[in-house]
Amino acid sequence: MARSEVRLRRVRRAYELAHLWIAARGVAIAAALSALAVGLHRTTDATWLVAGVLAITLGVLGWRGGAGRRGSLAGVLAGLPPLLAPGVVSALSNGGHCLTCATAPSFVCMLTCFVSSALVGVAVGQHATRDAAPRRFALAATVTAALTGALGCGTTGLGGSIGIAIGLVAGGVTGWVSAARAA
């Protein structure tokens, strides 16, 4: 075997190991977010399903690299307000913990999910227009933001999850259009 072939194999192995480590980092981020969500909100089977899908999504997008990796990390950051907002609103309005949402989630919590998702959707849309591959970035960011937010807003039920989806899409389109007009 020639020296160049050995070196090429070493470089390829290092490249692949770097991608695997980044994928593992994505899974670790999903695990940390899941632990945070379990501490703040009530858990259901849907919580664990969303946590698993988030871990797989972050792992795959991290491994693939490029705009998907950049968008997935931006989406996790964008998903933090919808993850945390219901707990803050619940504590301020009821003086209680989000666990009280188990019986009847309030309209205020669902509205909070929608508004916080719409606001971060605008930021995602504007940031996506500055990326080299804006569509892939926006898709990855929207998916991971929705999954991250669903760890918190999903505890309010289907209404909270729908609020996240509608808010992110509406905000993302608004941000995309406003950034395109400014350019």
N, C-alpha and C. Protein backbone atom coordinates (compact mmCIF):
# COMPACT_ATOMS: atom_id res chain seq x y z
N MET A 1 0.85 -1.18 0.00
CA MET A 1 0.00 0.00 0.00
C MET A 1 0.89 1.24 0.00
N ALA A 2 0.58 2.17 -0.85
CA ALA A 2 1.38 3.39 -0.99
C ALA A 2 1.12 4.33 0.19
N ARG A 3 2.12 5.18 0.43
CA ARG A 3 2.00 6.14 1.53
C ARG A 3 0.80 7.07 1.34
N SER A 4 0.55 7.47 0.12
CA SER A 4 -0.55 8.39 -0.14
C SER A 4 -1.89 7.74 0.20
N GLU A 5 -2.04 6.44 -0.03
CA GLU A 5 -3.28 5.75 0.32
C GLU A 5 -3.47 5.68 1.83
N VAL A 6 -2.40 5.44 2.55
CA VAL A 6 -2.47 5.38 4.02
C VAL A 6 -2.87 6.74 4.56
N ARG A 7 -2.25 7.78 4.04
CA ARG A 7 -2.58 9.14 4.49
C ARG A 7 -4.02 9.50 4.15
N LEU A 8 -4.45 9.12 2.98
CA LEU A 8 -5.82 9.39 2.57
C LEU A 8 -6.82 8.69 3.50
N ARG A 9 -6.53 7.46 3.86
CA ARG A 9 -7.40 6.73 4.81
C ARG A 9 -7.43 7.40 6.17
N ARG A 10 -6.27 7.87 6.64
CA ARG A 10 -6.22 8.55 7.94
C ARG A 10 -7.03 9.85 7.92
N VAL A 11 -6.88 10.58 6.85
CA VAL A 11 -7.62 11.84 6.73
C VAL A 11 -9.12 11.55 6.68
N ARG A 12 -9.51 10.55 5.90
CA ARG A 12 -10.93 10.21 5.81
C ARG A 12 -11.47 9.75 7.15
N ARG A 13 -10.71 8.93 7.88
CA ARG A 13 -11.13 8.47 9.21
C ARG A 13 -11.28 9.64 10.16
N ALA A 14 -10.35 10.59 10.13
CA ALA A 14 -10.45 11.77 11.00
C ALA A 14 -11.67 12.60 10.64
N TYR A 15 -11.94 12.72 9.35
CA TYR A 15 -13.11 13.46 8.88
C TYR A 15 -14.39 12.81 9.38
N GLU A 16 -14.49 11.50 9.23
CA GLU A 16 -15.69 10.78 9.66
C GLU A 16 -15.86 10.81 11.17
N LEU A 17 -14.76 10.69 11.91
CA LEU A 17 -14.84 10.76 13.37
C LEU A 17 -15.29 12.14 13.84
N ALA A 18 -14.85 13.18 13.16
CA ALA A 18 -15.29 14.53 13.52
C ALA A 18 -16.80 14.67 13.33
N HIS A 19 -17.31 14.12 12.26
CA HIS A 19 -18.76 14.17 12.02
C HIS A 19 -19.52 13.36 13.06
N LEU A 20 -18.97 12.23 13.46
CA LEU A 20 -19.63 11.43 14.50
C LEU A 20 -19.64 12.15 15.84
N TRP A 21 -18.55 12.84 16.17
CA TRP A 21 -18.51 13.59 17.42
C TRP A 21 -19.52 14.73 17.41
N ILE A 22 -19.67 15.37 16.27
CA ILE A 22 -20.65 16.46 16.17
C ILE A 22 -22.06 15.90 16.28
N ALA A 23 -22.30 14.74 15.70
CA ALA A 23 -23.61 14.09 15.84
C ALA A 23 -23.87 13.74 17.30
N ALA A 24 -22.86 13.25 17.98
CA ALA A 24 -23.01 12.92 19.41
C ALA A 24 -23.28 14.18 20.23
N ARG A 25 -22.68 15.28 19.83
CA ARG A 25 -22.96 16.55 20.52
C ARG A 25 -24.42 16.94 20.37
N GLY A 26 -24.98 16.72 19.18
CA GLY A 26 -26.40 17.01 18.96
C GLY A 26 -27.29 16.15 19.84
N VAL A 27 -26.95 14.88 19.99
CA VAL A 27 -27.72 13.99 20.86
C VAL A 27 -27.59 14.43 22.31
N ALA A 28 -26.40 14.87 22.71
CA ALA A 28 -26.21 15.36 24.08
C ALA A 28 -27.01 16.63 24.33
N ILE A 29 -27.08 17.51 23.35
CA ILE A 29 -27.89 18.73 23.48
C ILE A 29 -29.35 18.36 23.65
N ALA A 30 -29.82 17.39 22.87
CA ALA A 30 -31.22 16.94 22.99
C ALA A 30 -31.47 16.34 24.36
N ALA A 31 -30.52 15.60 24.89
CA ALA A 31 -30.68 15.01 26.23
C ALA A 31 -30.75 16.09 27.30
N ALA A 32 -29.91 17.11 27.17
CA ALA A 32 -29.93 18.22 28.14
C ALA A 32 -31.25 18.99 28.07
N LEU A 33 -31.74 19.24 26.85
CA LEU A 33 -33.02 19.93 26.70
C LEU A 33 -34.16 19.09 27.26
N SER A 34 -34.09 17.80 27.07
CA SER A 34 -35.13 16.90 27.59
C SER A 34 -35.13 16.91 29.12
N ALA A 35 -33.94 16.90 29.71
CA ALA A 35 -33.85 16.96 31.17
C ALA A 35 -34.41 18.28 31.69
N LEU A 36 -34.13 19.36 30.99
CA LEU A 36 -34.69 20.66 31.37
C LEU A 36 -36.20 20.64 31.28
N ALA A 37 -36.73 20.09 30.20
CA ALA A 37 -38.18 20.03 30.02
C ALA A 37 -38.84 19.16 31.09
N VAL A 38 -38.21 18.06 31.46
CA VAL A 38 -38.77 17.19 32.49
C VAL A 38 -38.80 17.91 33.83
N GLY A 39 -37.79 18.73 34.09
CA GLY A 39 -37.75 19.49 35.33
C GLY A 39 -38.76 20.61 35.39
N LEU A 40 -39.11 21.17 34.24
CA LEU A 40 -40.00 22.32 34.22
C LEU A 40 -41.47 21.99 33.97
N HIS A 41 -41.72 20.95 33.22
CA HIS A 41 -43.08 20.68 32.75
C HIS A 41 -43.49 19.25 33.11
N ARG A 42 -44.78 19.02 32.97
CA ARG A 42 -45.25 17.65 33.17
C ARG A 42 -44.82 16.83 31.97
N THR A 43 -44.61 15.56 32.17
CA THR A 43 -44.18 14.71 31.08
C THR A 43 -45.29 13.74 30.70
N THR A 44 -45.35 13.48 29.42
CA THR A 44 -46.30 12.52 28.88
C THR A 44 -45.51 11.62 27.93
N ASP A 45 -46.21 10.67 27.35
CA ASP A 45 -45.56 9.84 26.34
C ASP A 45 -45.13 10.68 25.14
N ALA A 46 -45.91 11.71 24.84
CA ALA A 46 -45.57 12.60 23.73
C ALA A 46 -44.26 13.34 24.00
N THR A 47 -44.00 13.68 25.25
CA THR A 47 -42.75 14.35 25.60
C THR A 47 -41.56 13.49 25.24
N TRP A 48 -41.66 12.22 25.58
CA TRP A 48 -40.56 11.30 25.29
C TRP A 48 -40.42 11.06 23.79
N LEU A 49 -41.52 11.04 23.07
CA LEU A 49 -41.48 10.89 21.63
C LEU A 49 -40.79 12.09 20.99
N VAL A 50 -41.18 13.29 21.41
CA VAL A 50 -40.56 14.51 20.87
C VAL A 50 -39.08 14.55 21.22
N ALA A 51 -38.72 14.15 22.43
CA ALA A 51 -37.31 14.14 22.84
C ALA A 51 -36.51 13.18 21.97
N GLY A 52 -37.07 12.02 21.68
CA GLY A 52 -36.38 11.06 20.83
C GLY A 52 -36.22 11.55 19.40
N VAL A 53 -37.27 12.15 18.86
CA VAL A 53 -37.20 12.68 17.49
C VAL A 53 -36.21 13.84 17.43
N LEU A 54 -36.17 14.67 18.47
CA LEU A 54 -35.21 15.78 18.52
C LEU A 54 -33.79 15.24 18.55
N ALA A 55 -33.54 14.21 19.35
CA ALA A 55 -32.19 13.63 19.42
C ALA A 55 -31.77 13.06 18.07
N ILE A 56 -32.68 12.34 17.42
CA ILE A 56 -32.35 11.77 16.11
C ILE A 56 -32.11 12.88 15.09
N THR A 57 -32.96 13.90 15.10
CA THR A 57 -32.84 15.00 14.15
C THR A 57 -31.52 15.75 14.33
N LEU A 58 -31.20 16.09 15.58
CA LEU A 58 -29.94 16.81 15.83
C LEU A 58 -28.73 15.94 15.49
N GLY A 59 -28.83 14.65 15.77
CA GLY A 59 -27.73 13.75 15.43
C GLY A 59 -27.51 13.66 13.93
N VAL A 60 -28.58 13.46 13.19
CA VAL A 60 -28.46 13.33 11.73
C VAL A 60 -28.01 14.64 11.09
N LEU A 61 -28.62 15.75 11.49
CA LEU A 61 -28.23 17.03 10.90
C LEU A 61 -26.80 17.41 11.29
N GLY A 62 -26.39 17.07 12.51
CA GLY A 62 -25.01 17.32 12.91
C GLY A 62 -24.04 16.48 12.11
N TRP A 63 -24.38 15.24 11.87
CA TRP A 63 -23.53 14.36 11.10
C TRP A 63 -23.42 14.81 9.64
N ARG A 64 -24.55 15.27 9.08
CA ARG A 64 -24.55 15.70 7.68
C ARG A 64 -23.75 16.98 7.46
N GLY A 65 -23.81 17.90 8.43
CA GLY A 65 -23.05 19.14 8.31
C GLY A 65 -23.73 20.17 7.43
N GLY A 66 -23.00 21.20 7.09
CA GLY A 66 -23.48 22.25 6.21
C GLY A 66 -24.60 23.09 6.79
N ALA A 67 -25.51 23.50 5.91
CA ALA A 67 -26.61 24.37 6.30
C ALA A 67 -27.54 23.67 7.28
N GLY A 68 -27.69 22.37 7.16
CA GLY A 68 -28.54 21.63 8.09
C GLY A 68 -28.00 21.71 9.51
N ARG A 69 -26.69 21.56 9.68
CA ARG A 69 -26.09 21.65 11.01
C ARG A 69 -26.23 23.06 11.56
N ARG A 70 -25.92 24.06 10.74
CA ARG A 70 -26.04 25.45 11.20
C ARG A 70 -27.49 25.78 11.57
N GLY A 71 -28.41 25.35 10.74
CA GLY A 71 -29.82 25.62 10.99
C GLY A 71 -30.34 24.88 12.21
N SER A 72 -29.86 23.66 12.43
CA SER A 72 -30.35 22.91 13.59
C SER A 72 -29.93 23.55 14.89
N LEU A 73 -28.72 24.05 14.94
CA LEU A 73 -28.27 24.72 16.17
C LEU A 73 -29.00 26.05 16.38
N ALA A 74 -29.24 26.77 15.28
CA ALA A 74 -30.02 28.01 15.39
C ALA A 74 -31.44 27.70 15.82
N GLY A 75 -31.98 26.59 15.33
CA GLY A 75 -33.34 26.18 15.71
C GLY A 75 -33.45 25.83 17.17
N VAL A 76 -32.42 25.19 17.72
CA VAL A 76 -32.44 24.86 19.14
C VAL A 76 -32.48 26.15 19.96
N LEU A 77 -31.67 27.12 19.57
CA LEU A 77 -31.69 28.41 20.27
C LEU A 77 -33.04 29.10 20.11
N ALA A 78 -33.61 29.01 18.91
CA ALA A 78 -34.92 29.63 18.67
C ALA A 78 -36.03 28.90 19.42
N GLY A 79 -35.85 27.63 19.71
CA GLY A 79 -36.86 26.86 20.41
C GLY A 79 -36.85 27.05 21.92
N LEU A 80 -35.81 27.69 22.44
CA LEU A 80 -35.74 27.89 23.89
C LEU A 80 -36.86 28.78 24.44
N PRO A 81 -37.21 29.91 23.79
CA PRO A 81 -38.33 30.70 24.34
C PRO A 81 -39.64 29.92 24.43
N PRO A 82 -40.06 29.18 23.39
CA PRO A 82 -41.29 28.39 23.57
C PRO A 82 -41.15 27.26 24.59
N LEU A 83 -39.93 26.80 24.81
CA LEU A 83 -39.71 25.78 25.83
C LEU A 83 -39.88 26.36 27.22
N LEU A 84 -39.37 27.56 27.42
CA LEU A 84 -39.36 28.15 28.76
C LEU A 84 -40.58 29.03 29.06
N ALA A 85 -41.17 29.64 28.04
CA ALA A 85 -42.25 30.61 28.24
C ALA A 85 -43.47 30.07 28.97
N PRO A 86 -43.96 28.86 28.68
CA PRO A 86 -45.14 28.38 29.40
C PRO A 86 -44.91 28.26 30.91
N GLY A 87 -43.73 27.86 31.29
CA GLY A 87 -43.42 27.76 32.72
C GLY A 87 -43.40 29.11 33.40
N VAL A 88 -42.85 30.11 32.70
CA VAL A 88 -42.81 31.47 33.26
C VAL A 88 -44.22 32.03 33.36
N VAL A 89 -45.00 31.87 32.31
CA VAL A 89 -46.38 32.38 32.31
C VAL A 89 -47.21 31.68 33.38
N SER A 90 -47.04 30.39 33.51
CA SER A 90 -47.79 29.64 34.53
C SER A 90 -47.42 30.11 35.93
N ALA A 91 -46.14 30.34 36.15
CA ALA A 91 -45.70 30.79 37.47
C ALA A 91 -46.22 32.19 37.77
N LEU A 92 -46.26 33.06 36.77
CA LEU A 92 -46.72 34.43 36.99
C LEU A 92 -48.23 34.53 37.09
N SER A 93 -48.95 33.71 36.32
CA SER A 93 -50.41 33.84 36.31
C SER A 93 -51.07 33.05 37.43
N ASN A 94 -50.64 31.83 37.66
CA ASN A 94 -51.28 30.99 38.67
C ASN A 94 -50.52 30.97 39.97
N GLY A 95 -49.26 31.37 39.91
CA GLY A 95 -48.41 31.20 41.07
C GLY A 95 -48.03 29.75 41.24
N GLY A 96 -48.29 28.97 40.21
CA GLY A 96 -48.02 27.54 40.30
C GLY A 96 -47.00 27.09 39.29
N HIS A 97 -46.80 25.82 39.26
CA HIS A 97 -45.84 25.17 38.38
C HIS A 97 -46.59 24.72 37.13
N CYS A 98 -45.90 24.49 36.08
CA CYS A 98 -46.53 24.04 34.83
C CYS A 98 -47.23 22.69 35.01
N LEU A 99 -46.94 22.00 36.07
CA LEU A 99 -47.61 20.72 36.31
C LEU A 99 -49.11 20.90 36.49
N THR A 100 -49.54 22.13 36.84
CA THR A 100 -50.97 22.38 36.98
C THR A 100 -51.68 22.40 35.63
N CYS A 101 -50.92 22.45 34.55
CA CYS A 101 -51.52 22.41 33.21
C CYS A 101 -52.05 21.02 32.88
N ALA A 102 -51.79 20.05 33.75
CA ALA A 102 -52.19 18.67 33.46
C ALA A 102 -53.69 18.53 33.32
N THR A 103 -54.44 19.29 34.08
CA THR A 103 -55.89 19.14 34.02
C THR A 103 -56.50 19.96 32.90
N ALA A 104 -56.20 21.23 32.84
CA ALA A 104 -56.77 22.09 31.81
C ALA A 104 -55.80 23.20 31.47
N PRO A 105 -55.06 23.07 30.36
CA PRO A 105 -54.15 24.14 29.99
C PRO A 105 -54.93 25.41 29.66
N SER A 106 -54.38 26.52 30.06
CA SER A 106 -55.09 27.78 29.87
C SER A 106 -54.87 28.34 28.47
N PHE A 107 -55.78 29.19 28.08
CA PHE A 107 -55.68 29.88 26.80
C PHE A 107 -54.43 30.75 26.78
N VAL A 108 -54.07 31.30 27.93
CA VAL A 108 -52.90 32.16 28.04
C VAL A 108 -51.63 31.38 27.71
N CYS A 109 -51.54 30.14 28.20
CA CYS A 109 -50.36 29.31 27.90
C CYS A 109 -50.27 29.01 26.41
N MET A 110 -51.41 28.70 25.80
CA MET A 110 -51.41 28.41 24.36
C MET A 110 -51.07 29.66 23.55
N LEU A 111 -51.58 30.80 23.96
CA LEU A 111 -51.25 32.05 23.29
C LEU A 111 -49.77 32.38 23.44
N THR A 112 -49.23 32.09 24.61
CA THR A 112 -47.80 32.30 24.85
C THR A 112 -46.97 31.45 23.90
N CYS A 113 -47.38 30.22 23.69
CA CYS A 113 -46.66 29.34 22.76
C CYS A 113 -46.68 29.91 21.35
N PHE A 114 -47.82 30.39 20.93
CA PHE A 114 -47.95 30.96 19.58
C PHE A 114 -47.10 32.22 19.44
N VAL A 115 -47.23 33.15 20.38
CA VAL A 115 -46.52 34.43 20.27
C VAL A 115 -45.01 34.23 20.35
N SER A 116 -44.54 33.43 21.29
CA SER A 116 -43.09 33.23 21.40
C SER A 116 -42.55 32.53 20.16
N SER A 117 -43.30 31.59 19.59
CA SER A 117 -42.86 30.91 18.37
C SER A 117 -42.86 31.85 17.18
N ALA A 118 -43.85 32.72 17.09
CA ALA A 118 -43.90 33.68 15.98
C ALA A 118 -42.72 34.65 16.04
N LEU A 119 -42.39 35.10 17.24
CA LEU A 119 -41.27 36.03 17.38
C LEU A 119 -39.95 35.39 17.00
N VAL A 120 -39.71 34.17 17.46
CA VAL A 120 -38.45 33.52 17.08
C VAL A 120 -38.49 33.08 15.63
N GLY A 121 -39.68 32.84 15.09
CA GLY A 121 -39.80 32.53 13.67
C GLY A 121 -39.33 33.67 12.79
N VAL A 122 -39.63 34.90 13.19
CA VAL A 122 -39.16 36.07 12.45
C VAL A 122 -37.63 36.09 12.44
N ALA A 123 -37.03 35.83 13.58
CA ALA A 123 -35.56 35.81 13.67
C ALA A 123 -34.98 34.70 12.80
N VAL A 124 -35.59 33.54 12.81
CA VAL A 124 -35.11 32.43 11.99
C VAL A 124 -35.21 32.78 10.51
N GLY A 125 -36.34 33.35 10.12
CA GLY A 125 -36.52 33.73 8.71
C GLY A 125 -35.50 34.76 8.26
N GLN A 126 -35.24 35.75 9.09
CA GLN A 126 -34.26 36.78 8.72
C GLN A 126 -32.85 36.21 8.68
N HIS A 127 -32.53 35.36 9.64
CA HIS A 127 -31.19 34.78 9.68
C HIS A 127 -30.97 33.81 8.52
N ALA A 128 -32.02 33.12 8.11
CA ALA A 128 -31.90 32.15 7.02
C ALA A 128 -31.52 32.83 5.71
N THR A 129 -31.98 34.05 5.50
CA THR A 129 -31.68 34.73 4.24
C THR A 129 -30.20 35.07 4.13
N ARG A 130 -29.48 35.11 5.25
CA ARG A 130 -28.04 35.43 5.22
C ARG A 130 -27.18 34.20 5.10
N ASP A 131 -27.76 33.01 5.12
CA ASP A 131 -26.99 31.78 5.02
C ASP A 131 -26.71 31.45 3.56
N ALA A 132 -25.67 30.65 3.34
CA ALA A 132 -25.31 30.25 1.98
C ALA A 132 -26.39 29.38 1.33
N ALA A 133 -27.06 28.57 2.12
CA ALA A 133 -28.15 27.72 1.64
C ALA A 133 -29.40 28.03 2.46
N PRO A 134 -30.10 29.11 2.14
CA PRO A 134 -31.18 29.59 3.01
C PRO A 134 -32.34 28.61 3.19
N ARG A 135 -32.70 27.86 2.18
CA ARG A 135 -33.84 26.95 2.32
C ARG A 135 -33.53 25.80 3.26
N ARG A 136 -32.35 25.20 3.09
CA ARG A 136 -31.98 24.10 3.98
C ARG A 136 -31.80 24.59 5.41
N PHE A 137 -31.20 25.77 5.56
CA PHE A 137 -31.03 26.36 6.89
C PHE A 137 -32.39 26.58 7.54
N ALA A 138 -33.30 27.20 6.80
CA ALA A 138 -34.62 27.52 7.34
C ALA A 138 -35.39 26.25 7.70
N LEU A 139 -35.33 25.23 6.85
CA LEU A 139 -36.02 23.98 7.13
C LEU A 139 -35.47 23.32 8.39
N ALA A 140 -34.15 23.22 8.50
CA ALA A 140 -33.55 22.61 9.68
C ALA A 140 -33.85 23.42 10.94
N ALA A 141 -33.76 24.74 10.83
CA ALA A 141 -34.03 25.59 11.99
C ALA A 141 -35.49 25.49 12.43
N THR A 142 -36.39 25.46 11.48
CA THR A 142 -37.81 25.39 11.81
C THR A 142 -38.16 24.06 12.46
N VAL A 143 -37.62 22.98 11.93
CA VAL A 143 -37.91 21.65 12.50
C VAL A 143 -37.36 21.53 13.91
N THR A 144 -36.10 21.91 14.11
CA THR A 144 -35.53 21.76 15.46
C THR A 144 -36.12 22.76 16.44
N ALA A 145 -36.49 23.95 15.98
CA ALA A 145 -37.15 24.92 16.87
C ALA A 145 -38.51 24.39 17.29
N ALA A 146 -39.24 23.80 16.35
CA ALA A 146 -40.56 23.25 16.69
C ALA A 146 -40.43 22.09 17.67
N LEU A 147 -39.44 21.23 17.47
CA LEU A 147 -39.26 20.10 18.39
C LEU A 147 -38.80 20.57 19.77
N THR A 148 -37.88 21.53 19.79
CA THR A 148 -37.41 22.05 21.08
C THR A 148 -38.55 22.74 21.81
N GLY A 149 -39.31 23.56 21.11
CA GLY A 149 -40.44 24.24 21.73
C GLY A 149 -41.52 23.29 22.17
N ALA A 150 -41.70 22.20 21.42
CA ALA A 150 -42.74 21.23 21.78
C ALA A 150 -42.42 20.50 23.08
N LEU A 151 -41.17 20.48 23.48
CA LEU A 151 -40.84 19.90 24.79
C LEU A 151 -41.50 20.70 25.90
N GLY A 152 -41.72 21.99 25.69
CA GLY A 152 -42.38 22.82 26.69
C GLY A 152 -43.83 23.07 26.36
N CYS A 153 -44.08 23.58 25.16
CA CYS A 153 -45.46 23.92 24.78
C CYS A 153 -46.30 22.69 24.50
N GLY A 154 -45.67 21.59 24.21
CA GLY A 154 -46.43 20.37 23.98
C GLY A 154 -47.14 19.89 25.23
N THR A 155 -46.68 20.36 26.39
CA THR A 155 -47.34 19.97 27.64
C THR A 155 -48.72 20.60 27.76
N THR A 156 -48.97 21.65 26.99
CA THR A 156 -50.30 22.26 27.02
C THR A 156 -51.25 21.51 26.11
N GLY A 157 -50.76 20.50 25.44
CA GLY A 157 -51.60 19.68 24.57
C GLY A 157 -51.42 20.02 23.11
N LEU A 158 -52.35 19.55 22.32
CA LEU A 158 -52.29 19.75 20.88
C LEU A 158 -52.34 21.23 20.52
N GLY A 159 -53.07 22.02 21.28
CA GLY A 159 -53.16 23.46 21.00
C GLY A 159 -51.81 24.14 21.08
N GLY A 160 -51.02 23.78 22.06
CA GLY A 160 -49.68 24.37 22.19
C GLY A 160 -48.78 23.96 21.04
N SER A 161 -48.86 22.71 20.63
CA SER A 161 -48.04 22.23 19.53
C SER A 161 -48.45 22.88 18.21
N ILE A 162 -49.74 23.03 18.00
CA ILE A 162 -50.21 23.70 16.79
C ILE A 162 -49.81 25.17 16.83
N GLY A 163 -49.87 25.79 18.01
CA GLY A 163 -49.43 27.18 18.15
C GLY A 163 -47.97 27.35 17.78
N ILE A 164 -47.14 26.39 18.16
CA ILE A 164 -45.72 26.46 17.79
C ILE A 164 -45.56 26.38 16.29
N ALA A 165 -46.22 25.42 15.67
CA ALA A 165 -46.07 25.22 14.23
C ALA A 165 -46.55 26.44 13.45
N ILE A 166 -47.72 26.92 13.78
CA ILE A 166 -48.26 28.09 13.06
C ILE A 166 -47.40 29.32 13.33
N GLY A 167 -47.00 29.50 14.57
CA GLY A 167 -46.18 30.66 14.92
C GLY A 167 -44.85 30.65 14.20
N LEU A 168 -44.18 29.50 14.15
CA LEU A 168 -42.88 29.43 13.49
C LEU A 168 -43.00 29.66 11.99
N VAL A 169 -43.98 29.06 11.38
CA VAL A 169 -44.15 29.23 9.93
C VAL A 169 -44.53 30.68 9.61
N ALA A 170 -45.51 31.23 10.34
CA ALA A 170 -45.93 32.61 10.08
C ALA A 170 -44.79 33.59 10.35
N GLY A 171 -44.10 33.40 11.47
CA GLY A 171 -42.98 34.29 11.78
C GLY A 171 -41.82 34.12 10.82
N GLY A 172 -41.55 32.87 10.42
CA GLY A 172 -40.46 32.62 9.49
C GLY A 172 -40.70 33.24 8.13
N VAL A 173 -41.91 33.11 7.63
CA VAL A 173 -42.25 33.73 6.35
C VAL A 173 -42.16 35.24 6.46
N THR A 174 -42.65 35.80 7.55
CA THR A 174 -42.58 37.25 7.75
C THR A 174 -41.13 37.71 7.80
N GLY A 175 -40.30 37.00 8.54
CA GLY A 175 -38.88 37.36 8.62
C GLY A 175 -38.18 37.23 7.29
N TRP A 176 -38.52 36.19 6.53
CA TRP A 176 -37.91 35.97 5.23
C TRP A 176 -38.28 37.11 4.28
N VAL A 177 -39.56 37.46 4.26
CA VAL A 177 -40.03 38.52 3.37
C VAL A 177 -39.44 39.86 3.76
N SER A 178 -39.43 40.17 5.05
CA SER A 178 -38.89 41.47 5.48
C SER A 178 -37.40 41.58 5.22
N ALA A 179 -36.66 40.48 5.37
CA ALA A 179 -35.23 40.52 5.09
C ALA A 179 -34.97 40.64 3.60
N ALA A 180 -35.82 40.01 2.78
CA ALA A 180 -35.66 40.10 1.33
C ALA A 180 -35.94 41.51 0.84
N ARG A 181 -36.92 42.17 1.44
CA ARG A 181 -37.23 43.55 1.04
C ARG A 181 -36.13 44.51 1.45
N ALA A 182 -35.51 44.25 2.58
CA ALA A 182 -34.46 45.13 3.06
C ALA A 182 -33.20 45.00 2.20
N ALA A 183 -33.02 43.85 1.58
CA ALA A 183 -31.81 43.61 0.78
C ALA A 183 -31.88 44.21 -0.57
